[in-house]
Amino acid sequence: MRALKNLFVLIVIVAVLAGGGIAALRIARQRPSSPEEIKPNLMAVSAAGIYVYAARVGSKVILFDTGADPAGSTIDTALGALRAGRGDVSDIFLTHGHGDHTAGAAGLSGARVHIGQGDVALAEGKAPPDSLVARIMAKALAAPPVSVSNPMSGVVVADLGEGKSVKALPMPGHTPGSYAFFYDGVLFAGDTILLKQGRLDRGPSFFDGNSDEAKSSILSLKQQLTGADVSVVCTGHGGCTPVGLGRSMLDDFVSRLGG
């Protein structure tokens, strides 16, 4: 039954794209939302349902994902809300290598780009996505290749100065090199976790390279975040949990998965 449902959704996606959905998606990705303050010095902006998060760290700005627009309109909106420009971006942390999360990085050549080793070839345009649906979306978006400066393996802690750091947690499954990032009490989960109808959940499995592995990665968060004060969980599609409810909503999600 699940396989039939996924096949039906795939057929619908193909039909929509063939019927003009590609043009609509490309237009939508150039129309960013108004910036939303998640907490002081941390902004969220979305376009076509795809989120970019920007955080000010002293005189610098870091980004978590860069959206689907190669022109970087979503990024510019987020930077403007922080009274910053593109030259202030020091680091980009990509949750995974799908083009709807990497496209804007092409316009930020001065920034360090951090991504899981398993997704380097995908982000650089040298390998296709594992999932058939993701391959179709990649064709539709035609995201430019990313120049990766900081490939990651295992748990990595990136020191940002100003007493701040980003802890990178491997989360393979959605893509081989998927990561979650923990920064200043906020967990950036990419597409491995979705926020919908007021609770955290899994994204559609037909976008995953390995759905079972993605589930295992989510279950591993309980151990990886032991003792961490997770105030907010921010997702690639759906936005963020309310401030202060991140840990309880994440624990509820993990328990529903069997963890």
Protein backbone atom coordinates (compact mmCIF):
# COMPACT_ATOMS: atom_id res chain seq x y z
CA MET A 1 0.00 0.00 0.00
CA ARG A 2 2.83 2.41 0.90
CA ALA A 3 4.63 1.63 -2.37
CA LEU A 4 1.44 2.32 -4.35
CA LYS A 5 0.94 5.60 -2.51
CA ASN A 6 4.50 6.68 -3.26
CA LEU A 7 4.07 5.71 -6.91
CA PHE A 8 0.90 7.77 -7.13
CA VAL A 9 2.62 10.82 -5.61
CA LEU A 10 5.52 10.38 -8.02
CA ILE A 11 3.13 10.33 -10.98
CA VAL A 12 1.43 13.49 -9.70
CA ILE A 13 4.78 15.27 -9.28
CA VAL A 14 5.86 14.34 -12.79
CA ALA A 15 2.52 15.51 -14.18
CA VAL A 16 2.70 18.83 -12.33
CA LEU A 17 6.25 19.50 -13.49
CA ALA A 18 5.41 18.59 -17.06
CA GLY A 19 2.33 20.83 -16.95
CA GLY A 20 4.08 24.05 -16.07
CA GLY A 21 5.09 23.34 -12.50
CA ILE A 22 8.75 23.94 -13.32
CA ALA A 23 8.10 27.54 -14.31
CA ALA A 24 5.91 28.09 -11.24
CA LEU A 25 8.57 26.66 -8.93
CA ARG A 26 11.30 28.79 -10.45
CA ILE A 27 9.17 31.90 -9.98
CA ALA A 28 8.22 30.99 -6.40
CA ARG A 29 11.83 30.47 -5.35
CA GLN A 30 12.54 34.12 -6.23
CA ARG A 31 9.80 35.42 -3.91
CA PRO A 32 11.07 35.27 -0.34
CA SER A 33 8.82 35.62 2.68
CA SER A 34 9.19 38.36 5.24
CA PRO A 35 12.00 37.57 7.69
CA GLU A 36 10.98 35.88 10.94
CA GLU A 37 13.07 36.24 14.09
CA ILE A 38 13.50 32.83 15.69
CA LYS A 39 15.54 34.33 18.53
CA PRO A 40 17.80 37.39 18.77
CA ASN A 41 20.32 37.46 15.90
CA LEU A 42 18.73 34.45 14.18
CA MET A 43 16.43 34.92 11.20
CA ALA A 44 14.37 32.55 9.06
CA VAL A 45 13.23 33.29 5.50
CA SER A 46 11.47 30.92 3.12
CA ALA A 47 10.63 30.82 -0.59
CA ALA A 48 8.66 28.06 -2.31
CA GLY A 49 8.42 26.41 1.12
CA ILE A 50 12.21 26.07 1.45
CA TYR A 51 13.88 27.66 4.47
CA VAL A 52 17.13 29.56 4.88
CA TYR A 53 18.41 30.42 8.36
CA ALA A 54 20.89 33.21 9.03
CA ALA A 55 22.62 33.94 12.34
CA ARG A 56 24.79 36.90 13.27
CA VAL A 57 27.97 35.98 15.15
CA GLY A 58 29.70 39.23 16.08
CA SER A 59 30.56 41.00 12.83
CA LYS A 60 30.01 37.84 10.77
CA VAL A 61 26.95 35.92 9.58
CA ILE A 62 26.56 32.17 9.17
CA LEU A 63 23.94 30.42 7.06
CA PHE A 64 22.17 27.11 7.48
CA ASP A 65 21.20 26.09 3.92
CA THR A 66 20.95 28.59 1.09
CA GLY A 67 17.62 27.99 -0.64
CA ALA A 68 16.64 27.13 -4.20
CA ASP A 69 17.24 30.50 -5.86
CA PRO A 70 20.67 30.74 -7.56
CA ALA A 71 20.31 34.53 -7.43
CA GLY A 72 20.14 34.33 -3.64
CA SER A 73 17.02 36.43 -3.08
CA THR A 74 16.11 34.50 0.09
CA ILE A 75 19.64 34.94 1.43
CA ASP A 76 19.61 38.68 0.72
CA THR A 77 16.33 39.07 2.61
CA ALA A 78 17.70 37.22 5.63
CA LEU A 79 20.94 39.23 5.56
CA GLY A 80 19.04 42.48 5.29
CA ALA A 81 17.11 41.63 8.45
CA LEU A 82 20.45 41.23 10.23
CA ARG A 83 21.79 44.47 8.70
CA ALA A 84 24.42 42.48 6.86
CA GLY A 85 25.55 41.88 3.30
CA ARG A 86 26.95 38.97 1.34
CA GLY A 87 30.50 39.91 2.23
CA ASP A 88 29.69 39.33 5.90
CA VAL A 89 28.89 35.63 5.39
CA SER A 90 31.81 33.60 6.74
CA ASP A 91 30.38 30.07 6.84
CA ILE A 92 27.63 28.09 5.15
CA PHE A 93 26.40 24.88 6.76
CA LEU A 94 24.50 22.70 4.28
CA THR A 95 22.24 20.04 5.77
CA HIS A 96 22.47 18.05 2.53
CA GLY A 97 23.31 18.34 -1.15
CA HIS A 98 19.89 18.69 -2.82
CA GLY A 99 19.71 21.74 -5.06
CA ASP A 100 16.77 23.34 -3.25
CA HIS A 101 19.10 23.80 -0.27
CA THR A 102 22.40 24.55 -2.03
CA ALA A 103 21.57 26.84 -4.97
CA GLY A 104 22.23 30.15 -3.21
CA ALA A 105 25.73 29.12 -2.13
CA ALA A 106 27.04 29.79 -5.64
CA GLY A 107 26.80 33.54 -5.04
CA LEU A 108 28.83 33.46 -1.81
CA SER A 109 32.29 32.57 -3.03
CA GLY A 110 34.03 34.11 -0.01
CA ALA A 111 32.37 31.81 2.52
CA ARG A 112 33.51 28.43 3.80
CA VAL A 113 31.09 25.70 2.75
CA HIS A 114 30.54 22.82 5.18
CA ILE A 115 28.74 19.67 3.99
CA GLY A 116 28.86 15.95 4.70
CA GLN A 117 31.55 14.07 2.76
CA GLY A 118 28.89 11.76 1.34
CA ASP A 119 27.16 14.70 -0.36
CA VAL A 120 30.18 16.52 -1.78
CA ALA A 121 29.83 15.04 -5.28
CA LEU A 122 26.07 15.73 -5.21
CA ALA A 123 26.53 19.38 -4.22
CA GLU A 124 29.32 19.88 -6.75
CA GLY A 125 27.11 18.57 -9.55
CA LYS A 126 29.24 15.48 -10.14
CA ALA A 127 26.65 12.89 -9.02
CA PRO A 128 22.84 12.68 -9.21
CA PRO A 129 20.58 12.25 -6.17
CA ASP A 130 19.84 8.68 -5.10
CA SER A 131 16.06 9.15 -5.11
CA LEU A 132 14.21 9.22 -8.46
CA VAL A 133 11.91 12.02 -7.27
CA ALA A 134 14.91 14.04 -6.10
CA ARG A 135 16.48 13.56 -9.54
CA ILE A 136 13.36 14.97 -11.18
CA MET A 137 13.40 17.95 -8.84
CA ALA A 138 17.10 18.49 -9.52
CA LYS A 139 16.38 18.69 -13.24
CA ALA A 140 13.59 21.18 -12.59
CA LEU A 141 15.64 23.45 -10.34
CA ALA A 142 18.94 23.29 -12.25
CA ALA A 143 20.91 24.48 -9.23
CA PRO A 144 24.50 25.59 -9.93
CA PRO A 145 27.34 23.47 -8.54
CA VAL A 146 28.76 24.32 -5.13
CA SER A 147 32.46 24.60 -4.36
CA VAL A 148 32.90 22.68 -1.10
CA SER A 149 35.76 23.85 1.12
CA ASN A 150 35.01 21.93 4.34
CA PRO A 151 33.76 18.37 3.83
CA MET A 152 32.73 16.69 7.09
CA SER A 153 32.93 13.16 8.42
CA GLY A 154 31.65 12.09 11.81
CA VAL A 155 30.79 14.59 14.53
CA VAL A 156 32.45 17.97 13.88
CA VAL A 157 32.58 21.10 16.03
CA ALA A 158 33.22 24.31 14.10
CA ASP A 159 34.55 27.15 16.25
CA LEU A 160 33.08 30.48 15.12
CA GLY A 161 34.73 32.74 17.67
CA GLU A 162 32.73 35.07 19.94
CA GLY A 163 32.24 32.05 22.23
CA LYS A 164 30.01 30.36 19.62
CA SER A 165 30.34 27.07 17.80
CA VAL A 166 28.32 24.78 15.54
CA LYS A 167 28.13 21.09 16.37
CA ALA A 168 27.59 19.03 13.22
CA LEU A 169 25.83 15.68 13.70
CA PRO A 170 25.82 13.07 10.91
CA MET A 171 22.28 12.13 9.85
CA PRO A 172 22.61 9.84 6.78
CA GLY A 173 19.51 8.53 5.07
CA HIS A 174 17.76 11.40 3.33
CA THR A 175 21.05 11.64 1.46
CA PRO A 176 24.31 9.81 2.26
CA GLY A 177 25.91 12.96 3.66
CA SER A 178 22.97 14.54 5.47
CA TYR A 179 23.79 16.42 8.67
CA ALA A 180 21.96 18.23 11.44
CA PHE A 181 23.54 21.27 13.06
CA PHE A 182 23.22 22.41 16.67
CA TYR A 183 23.91 26.07 17.30
CA ASP A 184 22.99 28.30 20.24
CA GLY A 185 20.19 26.03 21.44
CA VAL A 186 18.74 25.51 17.96
CA LEU A 187 18.80 22.23 16.03
CA PHE A 188 18.78 22.67 12.24
CA ALA A 189 17.51 19.34 10.93
CA GLY A 190 17.26 19.89 7.17
CA ASP A 191 14.89 17.52 5.38
CA THR A 192 15.35 14.58 7.72
CA ILE A 193 12.66 16.09 9.97
CA LEU A 194 9.55 18.00 8.89
CA LEU A 195 7.28 20.31 10.90
CA LYS A 196 3.65 19.83 9.98
CA GLN A 197 0.32 20.25 11.75
CA GLY A 198 2.04 21.47 14.89
CA ARG A 199 4.39 18.56 15.45
CA LEU A 200 7.64 17.12 14.17
CA ASP A 201 7.40 14.27 11.70
CA ARG A 202 9.25 12.55 8.89
CA GLY A 203 9.36 13.96 5.41
CA PRO A 204 8.01 11.99 2.42
CA SER A 205 10.04 8.80 2.12
CA PHE A 206 10.18 8.99 -1.68
CA PHE A 207 12.67 11.85 -1.37
CA ASP A 208 14.99 9.72 0.78
CA GLY A 209 17.93 7.82 -0.58
CA ASN A 210 17.54 5.30 2.26
CA SER A 211 14.40 5.75 4.36
CA ASP A 212 15.33 3.14 6.97
CA GLU A 213 18.69 4.79 7.51
CA ALA A 214 16.99 8.17 7.88
CA LYS A 215 14.79 6.72 10.63
CA SER A 216 17.85 5.33 12.43
CA SER A 217 19.51 8.75 12.22
CA ILE A 218 16.50 10.41 13.85
CA LEU A 219 16.52 7.84 16.64
CA SER A 220 20.24 8.50 17.19
CA LEU A 221 19.53 12.15 18.05
CA LYS A 222 18.42 11.12 21.54
CA GLN A 223 21.98 10.02 22.32
CA GLN A 224 23.76 12.65 20.22
CA LEU A 225 21.95 15.47 22.03
CA THR A 226 22.18 14.07 25.55
CA GLY A 227 22.39 16.96 27.99
CA ALA A 228 21.91 19.60 25.28
CA ASP A 229 19.38 22.38 25.85
CA VAL A 230 17.41 22.12 22.60
CA SER A 231 15.17 25.17 22.72
CA VAL A 232 14.11 25.15 19.07
CA VAL A 233 14.09 22.64 16.19
CA CYS A 234 14.19 24.22 12.72
CA THR A 235 13.39 22.17 9.63
CA GLY A 236 14.12 22.56 5.93
CA HIS A 237 10.41 22.64 5.09
CA GLY A 238 7.87 23.78 7.65
CA GLY A 239 9.89 26.20 9.74
CA CYS A 240 10.65 25.97 13.45
CA THR A 241 9.04 24.78 16.66
CA PRO A 242 8.03 27.42 19.21
CA VAL A 243 10.92 28.64 21.37
CA GLY A 244 11.29 26.50 24.47
CA LEU A 245 9.42 23.50 23.04
CA GLY A 246 12.17 22.05 20.87
CA ARG A 247 13.31 19.32 23.26
CA SER A 248 9.82 18.15 24.24
CA MET A 249 8.62 18.08 20.63
CA LEU A 250 11.76 16.25 19.52
CA ASP A 251 11.42 13.70 22.32
CA ASP A 252 7.77 13.15 21.37
CA PHE A 253 8.76 12.58 17.75
CA VAL A 254 11.52 10.13 18.63
CA SER A 255 9.18 8.20 20.93
CA ARG A 256 6.58 7.93 18.15
CA LEU A 257 9.28 6.41 15.96
CA GLY A 258 10.03 3.83 18.63
CA GLY A 259 12.99 5.47 20.37
